[in-house]
Protein backbone atom coordinates (compact mmCIF):
# COMPACT_ATOMS: atom_id res chain seq x y z
CA MET A 1 127.75 57.99 168.48
CA SER A 2 126.46 55.62 165.82
CA ASP A 3 127.48 51.97 165.64
CA PRO A 4 130.59 51.43 163.44
CA TYR A 5 130.46 49.00 160.53
CA TYR A 6 133.61 48.02 158.57
CA ILE A 7 133.28 46.20 155.26
CA THR A 8 136.01 45.23 152.79
CA THR A 9 136.29 43.61 149.42
CA ALA A 10 139.27 41.48 148.52
CA ILE A 11 141.94 43.75 147.12
CA HIS A 12 142.17 42.97 143.44
CA TYR A 13 145.30 41.64 141.74
CA PRO A 14 146.13 44.14 138.99
CA ASN A 15 148.23 42.07 136.60
CA GLY A 16 145.50 42.80 134.02
CA ARG A 17 142.55 45.11 133.56
CA PRO A 18 139.44 44.66 135.72
CA HIS A 19 136.73 42.26 134.56
CA ILE A 20 133.06 41.84 135.42
CA GLY A 21 133.88 39.61 138.44
CA HIS A 22 135.83 42.46 140.07
CA ALA A 23 132.92 44.81 139.34
CA TYR A 24 130.39 42.40 140.84
CA GLU A 25 132.27 42.19 144.13
CA MET A 26 132.68 45.96 144.35
CA ILE A 27 129.01 46.57 143.54
CA ALA A 28 127.81 44.02 146.10
CA ALA A 29 130.03 45.49 148.82
CA ASP A 30 128.95 49.02 147.88
CA ALA A 31 125.28 48.08 148.16
CA ILE A 32 125.90 46.55 151.60
CA ALA A 33 127.84 49.63 152.71
CA ARG A 34 125.04 51.93 151.51
CA PHE A 35 122.44 49.76 153.19
CA GLN A 36 124.29 49.96 156.52
CA ARG A 37 124.63 53.77 156.18
CA GLN A 38 120.88 54.03 155.65
CA ALA A 39 120.42 51.95 158.76
CA GLY A 40 122.30 54.63 160.71
CA ARG A 41 125.63 52.84 160.99
CA ASP A 42 128.95 54.72 160.81
CA VAL A 43 130.39 52.83 157.84
CA ARG A 44 133.95 52.34 156.64
CA PHE A 45 134.17 50.62 153.23
CA GLN A 46 137.54 49.64 151.79
CA THR A 47 138.59 48.21 148.46
CA GLY A 48 141.82 48.46 146.47
CA THR A 49 144.64 46.57 144.76
CA ASP A 50 147.12 43.91 145.82
CA GLU A 51 150.24 44.81 143.88
CA HIS A 52 153.11 42.55 145.03
CA GLY A 53 154.02 38.96 144.20
CA LEU A 54 155.67 36.88 141.53
CA LYS A 55 152.77 37.16 139.11
CA MET A 56 153.25 40.94 138.87
CA VAL A 57 156.98 40.46 138.33
CA LYS A 58 156.40 38.00 135.48
CA THR A 59 153.73 40.18 133.85
CA ALA A 60 156.00 43.24 133.99
CA ARG A 61 158.86 41.22 132.47
CA GLU A 62 156.60 40.01 129.64
CA ARG A 63 155.57 43.59 128.92
CA ASP A 64 159.13 44.89 129.29
CA VAL A 65 158.16 47.51 131.88
CA GLU A 66 159.17 48.20 135.45
CA VAL A 67 156.96 46.36 137.91
CA ARG A 68 156.08 49.57 139.79
CA ALA A 69 155.04 51.19 136.50
CA LEU A 70 152.79 48.20 135.77
CA ALA A 71 151.29 48.43 139.24
CA ASP A 72 150.60 52.14 138.89
CA GLU A 73 148.97 51.72 135.49
CA MET A 74 146.79 48.74 136.37
CA SER A 75 145.78 49.99 139.82
CA GLY A 76 144.60 53.15 138.07
CA TYR A 77 142.14 51.11 135.96
CA PHE A 78 140.62 49.58 139.10
CA ALA A 79 140.30 52.96 140.79
CA GLU A 80 138.68 54.35 137.64
CA MET A 81 136.22 51.45 137.58
CA ALA A 82 135.29 52.14 141.19
CA THR A 83 134.51 55.74 140.32
CA LEU A 84 132.51 54.90 137.19
CA LEU A 85 130.43 52.26 138.99
CA ASN A 86 129.51 54.70 141.76
CA ILE A 87 131.41 52.74 144.45
CA SER A 88 131.24 54.72 147.69
CA CYS A 89 134.47 53.41 149.22
CA ASP A 90 136.09 55.37 152.01
CA ARG A 91 139.56 54.20 151.01
CA PHE A 92 140.98 52.70 147.85
CA ILE A 93 144.07 51.09 149.29
CA ARG A 94 147.24 50.15 147.44
CA THR A 95 149.70 47.73 148.97
CA VAL A 96 152.64 49.85 147.75
CA GLU A 97 151.67 52.64 150.17
CA ALA A 98 153.96 53.49 153.09
CA ASP A 99 151.44 52.93 155.89
CA HIS A 100 150.72 49.47 154.51
CA TYR A 101 154.41 48.55 154.58
CA ALA A 102 154.49 49.67 158.21
CA ALA A 103 151.40 47.65 159.12
CA SER A 104 152.67 44.50 157.35
CA GLN A 105 156.02 44.71 159.12
CA ALA A 106 154.35 45.36 162.47
CA LEU A 107 152.12 42.28 162.02
CA TRP A 108 155.14 40.22 161.02
CA GLN A 109 157.00 41.33 164.12
CA ALA A 110 154.04 40.49 166.35
CA ILE A 111 153.92 36.98 164.85
CA ALA A 112 157.69 36.62 165.31
CA ASP A 113 157.40 37.77 168.93
CA ALA A 114 154.88 34.98 169.48
CA GLY A 115 157.48 32.45 168.38
CA ASP A 116 155.49 31.43 165.34
CA LEU A 117 158.16 32.01 162.66
CA TYR A 118 161.20 29.87 161.86
CA LEU A 119 163.75 29.78 159.02
CA ASP A 120 163.97 26.65 156.88
CA ARG A 121 164.00 25.52 153.27
CA TYR A 122 160.82 25.16 151.23
CA GLU A 123 160.51 22.60 148.51
CA GLY A 124 157.09 22.08 146.99
CA TRP A 125 154.44 23.05 144.46
CA TYR A 126 153.55 26.68 143.82
CA SER A 127 150.97 28.23 141.49
CA VAL A 128 152.11 31.63 140.24
CA ARG A 129 148.63 32.42 138.98
CA ASP A 130 147.03 31.71 142.36
CA GLU A 131 150.06 32.92 144.36
CA ALA A 132 149.45 29.83 146.47
CA PHE A 133 151.31 26.79 147.76
CA TYR A 134 149.73 23.34 147.33
CA GLU A 135 150.46 19.93 148.81
CA GLU A 136 150.92 16.96 146.49
CA LYS A 137 147.60 15.47 147.66
CA GLU A 138 145.74 18.62 146.51
CA LEU A 139 146.96 18.52 142.92
CA VAL A 140 144.81 17.31 140.04
CA ALA A 141 145.80 15.93 136.65
CA GLY A 142 145.35 18.10 133.58
CA ALA A 143 144.22 16.92 130.15
CA ASP A 144 147.82 16.08 129.22
CA GLY A 145 148.60 14.54 132.57
CA GLU A 146 150.39 17.63 133.88
CA LYS A 147 150.01 18.58 137.52
CA LEU A 148 147.54 21.36 138.21
CA SER A 149 146.31 23.16 141.32
CA PRO A 150 142.77 22.50 142.60
CA GLN A 151 141.81 25.68 140.70
CA GLY A 152 143.11 24.13 137.44
CA THR A 153 146.12 26.47 137.23
CA PRO A 154 149.71 25.38 136.40
CA VAL A 155 152.06 24.65 139.29
CA GLU A 156 155.83 24.61 139.39
CA TRP A 157 158.31 23.04 141.77
CA THR A 158 159.87 25.68 144.00
CA ALA A 159 162.88 25.36 146.29
CA GLU A 160 164.32 28.24 148.34
CA GLU A 161 165.18 29.39 151.84
CA THR A 162 162.07 30.76 153.48
CA TRP A 163 160.49 31.77 156.73
CA PHE A 164 157.73 29.44 157.87
CA PHE A 165 154.64 30.28 159.90
CA ARG A 166 153.55 27.65 162.41
CA LEU A 167 150.14 27.19 160.86
CA SER A 168 149.88 23.66 162.24
CA LYS A 169 149.83 25.13 165.76
CA TYR A 170 146.50 26.78 164.98
CA GLN A 171 144.55 23.78 163.66
CA GLU A 172 142.60 23.21 166.87
CA PRO A 173 142.01 26.93 167.60
CA LEU A 174 140.64 27.30 164.08
CA LEU A 175 138.35 24.31 164.42
CA ALA A 176 137.12 25.76 167.73
CA LEU A 177 136.46 29.07 165.94
CA TYR A 178 134.36 27.38 163.26
CA ARG A 179 132.48 25.37 165.88
CA ASP A 180 131.77 28.24 168.28
CA HIS A 181 131.10 30.84 165.55
CA PRO A 182 129.41 29.11 162.59
CA GLU A 183 128.60 32.57 161.21
CA PHE A 184 132.36 33.27 160.75
CA ILE A 185 132.36 31.65 157.28
CA GLN A 186 129.33 32.06 155.04
CA PRO A 187 127.51 30.71 153.18
CA ASP A 188 127.43 27.31 154.84
CA SER A 189 128.79 25.55 151.74
CA ARG A 190 132.05 27.53 152.07
CA ARG A 191 132.20 26.81 155.79
CA ASN A 192 131.88 23.08 155.16
CA GLU A 193 134.69 23.16 152.57
CA ILE A 194 137.03 24.94 154.98
CA LEU A 195 136.07 22.68 157.85
CA ARG A 196 137.00 19.60 155.82
CA PHE A 197 140.28 21.18 154.73
CA VAL A 198 141.38 22.07 158.26
CA GLU A 199 140.22 18.73 159.71
CA GLY A 200 142.48 17.06 157.14
CA GLY A 201 145.51 18.55 158.88
CA LEU A 202 147.49 21.77 158.48
CA THR A 203 151.17 22.01 157.58
CA ASP A 204 153.33 25.04 158.29
CA LEU A 205 153.15 27.76 155.66
CA SER A 206 156.04 29.33 153.75
CA VAL A 207 155.65 33.08 154.27
CA SER A 208 158.69 34.68 152.59
CA ARG A 209 160.41 34.58 149.22
CA THR A 210 164.03 35.16 148.16
CA SER A 211 163.72 34.57 144.41
CA PHE A 212 162.51 38.12 143.73
CA ASP A 213 162.41 41.44 145.63
CA TRP A 214 159.01 42.90 144.67
CA GLY A 215 157.27 42.85 148.01
CA VAL A 216 157.33 44.08 151.58
CA PRO A 217 160.82 43.44 153.06
CA VAL A 218 160.90 41.03 155.99
CA PRO A 219 162.14 42.99 159.01
CA GLY A 220 165.63 41.91 160.11
CA SER A 221 166.01 39.34 157.28
CA PRO A 222 167.85 40.84 154.28
CA GLY A 223 166.93 39.29 150.94
CA HIS A 224 163.50 38.10 152.09
CA VAL A 225 160.20 39.69 151.05
CA MET A 226 156.85 38.64 152.52
CA TYR A 227 154.73 36.05 150.80
CA VAL A 228 152.18 38.14 148.94
CA TRP A 229 149.21 36.81 150.93
CA VAL A 230 150.73 37.92 154.27
CA ASP A 231 151.02 41.41 152.83
CA ALA A 232 147.65 41.32 151.04
CA LEU A 233 145.57 40.21 154.01
CA THR A 234 147.19 42.85 156.22
CA ASN A 235 145.51 45.58 154.16
CA TYR A 236 142.36 45.13 156.21
CA ILE A 237 144.05 46.26 159.41
CA THR A 238 146.15 48.87 157.59
CA GLY A 239 142.90 50.59 156.62
CA ALA A 240 141.66 50.36 160.21
CA GLY A 241 144.68 52.30 161.54
CA TYR A 242 147.04 49.48 162.62
CA PRO A 243 149.53 49.79 164.24
CA ASN A 244 149.80 53.51 165.06
CA ASP A 245 146.28 54.93 165.21
CA ASN A 246 144.83 53.24 168.28
CA ASP A 247 141.62 55.28 168.29
CA ALA A 248 140.80 54.34 164.70
CA PHE A 249 141.81 50.71 165.25
CA SER A 250 139.64 50.35 168.32
CA LYS A 251 136.72 51.88 166.42
CA TRP A 252 136.91 49.90 163.17
CA TRP A 253 138.53 46.59 164.05
CA PRO A 254 137.42 43.86 163.97
CA ALA A 255 135.87 44.11 160.50
CA ASP A 256 132.20 43.23 160.27
CA LEU A 257 132.47 41.65 156.82
CA HIS A 258 135.18 40.52 154.44
CA LEU A 259 133.41 40.04 151.09
CA ILE A 260 135.54 37.87 148.80
CA GLY A 261 135.38 35.38 145.94
CA LYS A 262 134.90 31.71 146.76
CA ASP A 263 138.33 30.85 145.35
CA ILE A 264 140.17 32.71 148.09
CA VAL A 265 138.16 31.67 151.13
CA ARG A 266 141.05 29.51 152.39
CA PHE A 267 143.37 32.51 152.68
CA HIS A 268 140.74 34.53 154.56
CA ALA A 269 139.25 31.81 156.73
CA VAL A 270 142.40 29.80 157.58
CA TYR A 271 145.58 31.82 157.12
CA TRP A 272 144.21 35.21 158.11
CA PRO A 273 142.60 34.23 161.43
CA ALA A 274 145.69 32.17 162.26
CA PHE A 275 147.96 35.20 161.65
CA LEU A 276 145.70 37.33 163.83
CA MET A 277 145.55 34.72 166.60
CA SER A 278 149.32 34.62 166.61
CA ALA A 279 149.57 38.44 166.77
CA LYS A 280 146.90 38.47 169.51
CA LEU A 281 144.57 40.65 167.47
CA PRO A 282 140.78 40.33 167.25
CA LEU A 283 139.33 38.26 164.41
CA PRO A 284 136.95 39.62 161.76
CA LYS A 285 133.31 38.85 162.40
CA GLN A 286 132.48 37.25 159.07
CA VAL A 287 134.06 36.04 155.83
CA PHE A 288 131.52 35.74 153.01
CA GLY A 289 132.60 33.90 149.85
CA HIS A 290 130.44 34.89 146.90
CA GLY A 291 130.17 32.85 143.73
CA PHE A 292 131.56 33.36 140.24
CA LEU A 293 129.92 35.18 137.35
CA LEU A 294 129.58 33.05 134.24
CA ASN A 295 129.26 34.47 130.72
CA ARG A 296 126.20 32.70 129.28
CA GLY A 297 126.93 29.83 131.66
CA GLU A 298 130.64 29.54 130.79
CA LYS A 299 133.59 30.47 132.97
CA MET A 300 135.34 33.53 131.55
CA SER A 301 138.92 33.26 130.34
CA LYS A 302 141.20 35.26 128.09
CA SER A 303 142.01 32.17 126.03
CA VAL A 304 138.32 31.59 125.24
CA GLY A 305 137.86 35.30 124.53
CA ASN A 306 134.71 35.76 126.61
CA VAL A 307 136.06 38.11 129.30
CA VAL A 308 133.69 41.06 129.69
CA ASP A 309 134.68 44.64 130.36
CA PRO A 310 132.35 46.03 133.06
CA ILE A 311 132.89 49.62 131.99
CA GLU A 312 131.67 48.73 128.51
CA LEU A 313 128.58 47.07 129.95
CA ALA A 314 127.86 50.08 132.17
CA SER A 315 128.27 52.46 129.24
CA LEU A 316 125.86 50.39 127.13
CA TYR A 317 123.12 49.84 129.68
CA GLY A 318 123.74 52.30 132.52
CA VAL A 319 125.40 51.87 135.89
CA ASP A 320 122.17 51.46 137.87
CA ALA A 321 120.76 48.91 135.45
CA LEU A 322 123.97 46.87 135.65
CA ARG A 323 124.04 47.10 139.47
CA TYR A 324 120.37 46.07 139.67
CA PHE A 325 120.80 43.07 137.38
CA LEU A 326 123.84 41.71 139.20
CA LEU A 327 122.24 42.02 142.63
CA ARG A 328 118.78 40.85 141.53
CA ASP A 329 119.62 37.93 139.27
CA VAL A 330 122.74 36.45 140.87
CA SER A 331 121.77 34.53 144.01
CA PHE A 332 124.20 35.95 146.55
CA GLY A 333 126.76 33.34 147.54
CA GLN A 334 126.19 31.16 144.48
CA ASP A 335 127.49 31.23 140.93
CA GLY A 336 125.40 33.26 138.51
CA THR A 337 125.25 33.74 134.76
CA PHE A 338 124.76 36.89 132.75
CA SER A 339 124.31 38.07 129.18
CA ASP A 340 123.41 41.29 127.42
CA GLU A 341 119.92 39.90 126.79
CA ALA A 342 119.43 39.06 130.46
CA ILE A 343 120.52 42.53 131.60
CA VAL A 344 118.19 44.25 129.14
CA THR A 345 115.25 41.96 129.95
CA ARG A 346 115.57 42.38 133.71
CA ALA A 347 116.16 46.13 133.64
CA ASN A 348 113.23 46.73 131.31
CA ALA A 349 110.84 44.48 133.22
CA ASP A 350 111.59 45.70 136.76
CA LEU A 351 113.03 49.18 136.43
CA SER A 352 111.61 50.69 133.25
CA ASN A 353 108.21 48.99 132.93
CA SER A 354 107.44 48.65 136.63
CA PHE A 355 109.03 51.14 139.01
CA GLY A 356 110.14 53.69 136.41
CA ASN A 357 106.77 53.70 134.71
CA LEU A 358 104.99 54.01 138.07
CA ALA A 359 107.01 57.08 139.03
CA GLN A 360 106.87 58.61 135.55
CA ARG A 361 103.15 58.40 134.99
CA THR A 362 102.34 59.53 138.55
CA LEU A 363 104.64 62.55 138.55
CA ALA A 364 103.93 63.45 134.91
CA PHE A 365 100.19 63.37 135.67
CA ILE A 366 100.68 65.75 138.61
CA ALA A 367 102.87 68.04 136.51
CA LYS A 368 100.32 68.15 133.70
CA ASN A 369 97.00 68.25 135.60
CA LEU A 370 97.81 69.93 138.92
CA GLY A 371 100.36 72.48 137.84
CA GLY A 372 103.04 70.26 139.34
CA VAL A 373 101.75 70.78 142.90
CA ILE A 374 101.56 67.57 144.96
CA PRO A 375 98.07 67.38 146.51
CA ASP A 376 96.81 66.54 149.98
CA ALA A 377 95.49 63.06 150.59
CA GLY A 378 92.47 64.39 152.47
CA ARG A 379 90.48 61.72 154.28
CA GLY A 380 91.55 58.89 152.04
CA GLU A 381 89.96 55.44 151.79
CA GLY A 382 90.74 51.94 152.94
CA ALA A 383 92.50 51.13 149.68
CA ASP A 384 95.00 53.92 150.31
CA ALA A 385 95.90 52.68 153.77
CA ALA A 386 96.07 49.11 152.46
CA LEU A 387 98.56 50.10 149.78
CA LEU A 388 100.80 51.98 152.19
CA ALA A 389 100.68 49.03 154.56
CA GLU A 390 101.72 46.70 151.75
CA VAL A 391 104.57 48.99 150.75
CA SER A 392 105.63 49.22 154.40
CA GLY A 393 105.62 45.43 154.66
CA ALA A 394 107.70 45.14 151.50
CA ALA A 395 110.18 47.65 152.95
CA THR A 396 110.37 45.73 156.22
CA ASP A 397 111.02 42.47 154.39
CA PHE A 398 113.65 44.15 152.21
CA VAL A 399 115.53 45.40 155.25
CA SER A 400 115.31 42.02 156.97
CA HIS A 401 116.51 40.03 153.94
CA PHE A 402 119.24 42.51 153.04
CA GLY A 403 120.52 42.51 156.61
CA ASP A 404 120.91 38.70 156.26
CA LEU A 405 122.75 39.21 152.92
CA ALA A 406 119.85 37.57 151.06
CA ILE A 407 120.04 40.39 148.53
CA GLY A 408 118.04 38.80 145.75
CA GLN A 409 115.19 38.01 148.18
CA ALA A 410 115.32 41.61 149.43
CA ILE A 411 114.81 42.93 145.91
CA GLU A 412 111.99 40.47 145.33
CA ALA A 413 110.28 41.89 148.43
CA TRP A 414 110.75 45.42 147.08
CA MET A 415 109.17 44.38 143.78
CA ARG A 416 106.06 43.25 145.70
CA GLY A 417 105.61 46.85 146.77
CA VAL A 418 106.13 48.09 143.20
CA PHE A 419 103.59 45.62 141.84
CA ALA A 420 101.09 46.62 144.52
CA CYS A 421 101.41 50.28 143.49
CA ASN A 422 100.89 49.46 139.84
CA ALA A 423 97.82 47.38 140.64
CA TYR A 424 96.50 50.24 142.81
CA ILE A 425 96.94 52.92 140.15
CA ASP A 426 95.24 50.71 137.52
CA VAL A 427 92.24 50.13 139.80
CA GLN A 428 91.95 53.69 141.09
CA ALA A 429 92.48 55.22 137.62
CA PRO A 430 93.27 58.86 138.59
CA TRP A 431 92.92 59.89 134.93
CA ALA A 432 89.22 58.96 135.13
CA LEU A 433 88.78 60.52 138.60
CA ARG A 434 90.06 63.82 137.24
CA LYS A 435 86.61 64.34 135.68
CA THR A 436 84.39 62.48 138.09
CA ASP A 437 85.89 62.96 141.54
CA PRO A 438 88.90 65.39 141.76
CA GLU A 439 89.07 65.09 145.55
CA ARG A 440 89.46 61.33 145.28
CA MET A 441 92.03 61.80 142.53
CA ASN A 442 94.08 63.96 144.88
CA ALA A 443 94.00 61.28 147.56
CA VAL A 444 95.14 58.61 145.11
CA LEU A 445 98.01 60.75 143.81
CA ALA A 446 99.14 61.73 147.30
CA THR A 447 99.11 58.07 148.32
CA LEU A 448 101.17 57.10 145.30
CA VAL A 449 103.70 59.88 145.96
CA ARG A 450 104.20 58.58 149.49
CA ALA A 451 104.56 55.01 148.24
CA ILE A 452 107.02 56.01 145.49
CA ARG A 453 109.09 57.94 147.99
CA ASP A 454 109.30 54.93 150.33
CA LEU A 455 110.16 52.55 147.52
CA ALA A 456 112.88 54.89 146.26
CA ILE A 457 114.46 55.06 149.74
CA VAL A 458 114.38 51.28 150.12
CA ILE A 459 116.10 50.52 146.80
CA ARG A 460 118.75 53.29 147.12
CA PRO A 461 121.61 50.89 148.02
CA VAL A 462 121.04 49.06 144.71
CA VAL A 463 120.27 51.94 142.31
CA PRO A 464 121.52 55.05 144.15
CA THR A 465 121.59 57.55 141.28
CA ALA A 466 118.08 56.83 139.99
CA SER A 467 116.61 56.68 143.49
CA ASP A 468 118.06 60.06 144.40
CA THR A 469 116.71 61.55 141.17
CA ILE A 470 113.20 60.44 142.11
CA LEU A 471 113.60 61.70 145.69
CA ASP A 472 114.87 65.02 144.38
CA PHE A 473 111.74 65.33 142.25
CA LEU A 474 109.67 64.84 145.39
CA GLY A 475 111.69 67.20 147.55
CA ALA A 476 112.37 64.35 150.01
CA GLN A 477 115.36 65.22 152.21
CA ALA A 478 115.51 62.27 154.66
CA ARG A 479 116.66 59.15 152.87
CA ASP A 480 117.51 56.55 155.53
CA HIS A 481 115.55 53.68 156.99
CA ALA A 482 114.23 55.79 159.84
CA ALA A 483 112.53 58.07 157.29
CA LEU A 484 110.26 55.21 156.29
CA ALA A 485 108.40 55.51 159.57
CA ASP A 486 108.06 59.28 159.71
CA ALA A 487 104.96 61.30 158.91
CA TRP A 488 106.44 62.71 155.72
CA SER A 489 104.22 64.60 153.35
CA ALA A 490 105.06 66.33 150.07
CA VAL A 491 101.84 68.38 150.05
CA GLY A 492 102.41 71.67 148.31
CA VAL A 493 105.75 70.68 146.77
CA THR A 494 105.94 71.76 143.15
CA ILE A 495 107.57 69.36 140.74
CA ALA A 496 108.82 69.99 137.23
CA PRO A 497 107.73 67.69 134.40
CA PRO A 498 109.86 64.59 135.05
CA SER A 499 112.05 62.81 132.56
CA PRO A 500 112.14 58.98 132.62
CA VAL A 501 114.55 57.78 135.30
CA PHE A 502 114.80 54.31 133.81
CA PRO A 503 114.57 54.64 130.02
CA ARG A 504 113.92 51.40 128.17
CA LEU A 505 117.05 49.62 127.11
CA GLU A 506 117.77 48.23 123.68
CA LEU A 507 120.07 45.28 123.10
CA ALA A 508 123.44 46.46 121.87
CA THR A 509 124.30 45.20 118.40
CA ALA A 510 127.79 44.39 117.23
């Protein structure tokens, strides 16, 4: 039985259509899931939408629609985006689903049984946009002197009867977690932020609301619905089978990786492990807070009018090109910037001009000059073995870096292998050997076919559709990491004249 691997994205808040930030997180998680599958792991990958909370109620009221109708419509856009971006999730979860209600109420009951809930009155600052409570000391002054959250969002004074979770009880256990398992929060900059926050002291957390009814009902407490983050975080164990499917839960939980945006690390690295500690459930192995995507260096906002539709970008430049750019050019864990020009430049340089051109001219040459039949390498020469060794080294480095979530470095390692192949074909010049030394030409082409196959396997998590097209051309069946070490040969396989897998992109004009 293969080793299970459970990865999740944050579930996205659907009070508006998805933007490029949502797409980036899905694409990154998808690439990691695909990488782990190629490594032989039994992967479960979950994404979805977080549909409760006051923000959804207010948006529905502004649009004069029922809140469930808004949730259904907007969640549909996120599910559609996942499909269009080739996201290989095993479940697209919605928090309005019956099994999620059951899991949320079971977790609540476990926390109550631990004595960690009490009824009191909450008075304090609340950001509807963040769906988060803030202490006075955390607030910042806006341009007009108004109070804002640390994220720069408006806050309002809230007063209502509420259930409280004894978060303060878990300050020391959380600090011990961070000390004993420094890998729990990554990258280190996020860990340091959370460490300072928890060291500053934790106050008990309001975990129910009575001012609206759009949420999971609190068991045994009429009029109360769960604070949206209690419900939202629970999705991770809902998808793992909690509380009724013990076999699934024991297989998939704890999660290997929660991939989230840096703005919600506190919820995942403070509240979530505290809830789980209280319920006596295992903790996830790692919370990774990625950075933000900036549009030409500027934060995206509806008011500025620079929010980018990822589906439009994918339709303009192709899904694989968009995936490649985001994973290659955005240093994983840090903020990154993008533009149409940057996407086109990167895709043309790496995919079209380098790897795509390598595959196209090699396979087209075989189709034209050898009747499409892939030749035998024969005895070969030292240059052939040297190239394959360099490609193998690039593949090894890719796997190592990607396994450490250094995705940009992994792709750089892969490009070393691509560059080595292009240098090799230029030096060996099979078009000249066709007249002077056909046997040597065959060896060169067979070596290139093997190298192209290996490079296509390696980069599959990033550009899955294009990689599989190349592998289909070559008749390569095995496509996981283990296949890189086998004695594969395509000798005798007949290929049809190939079409460019990475056509050159042109900058879209308004």
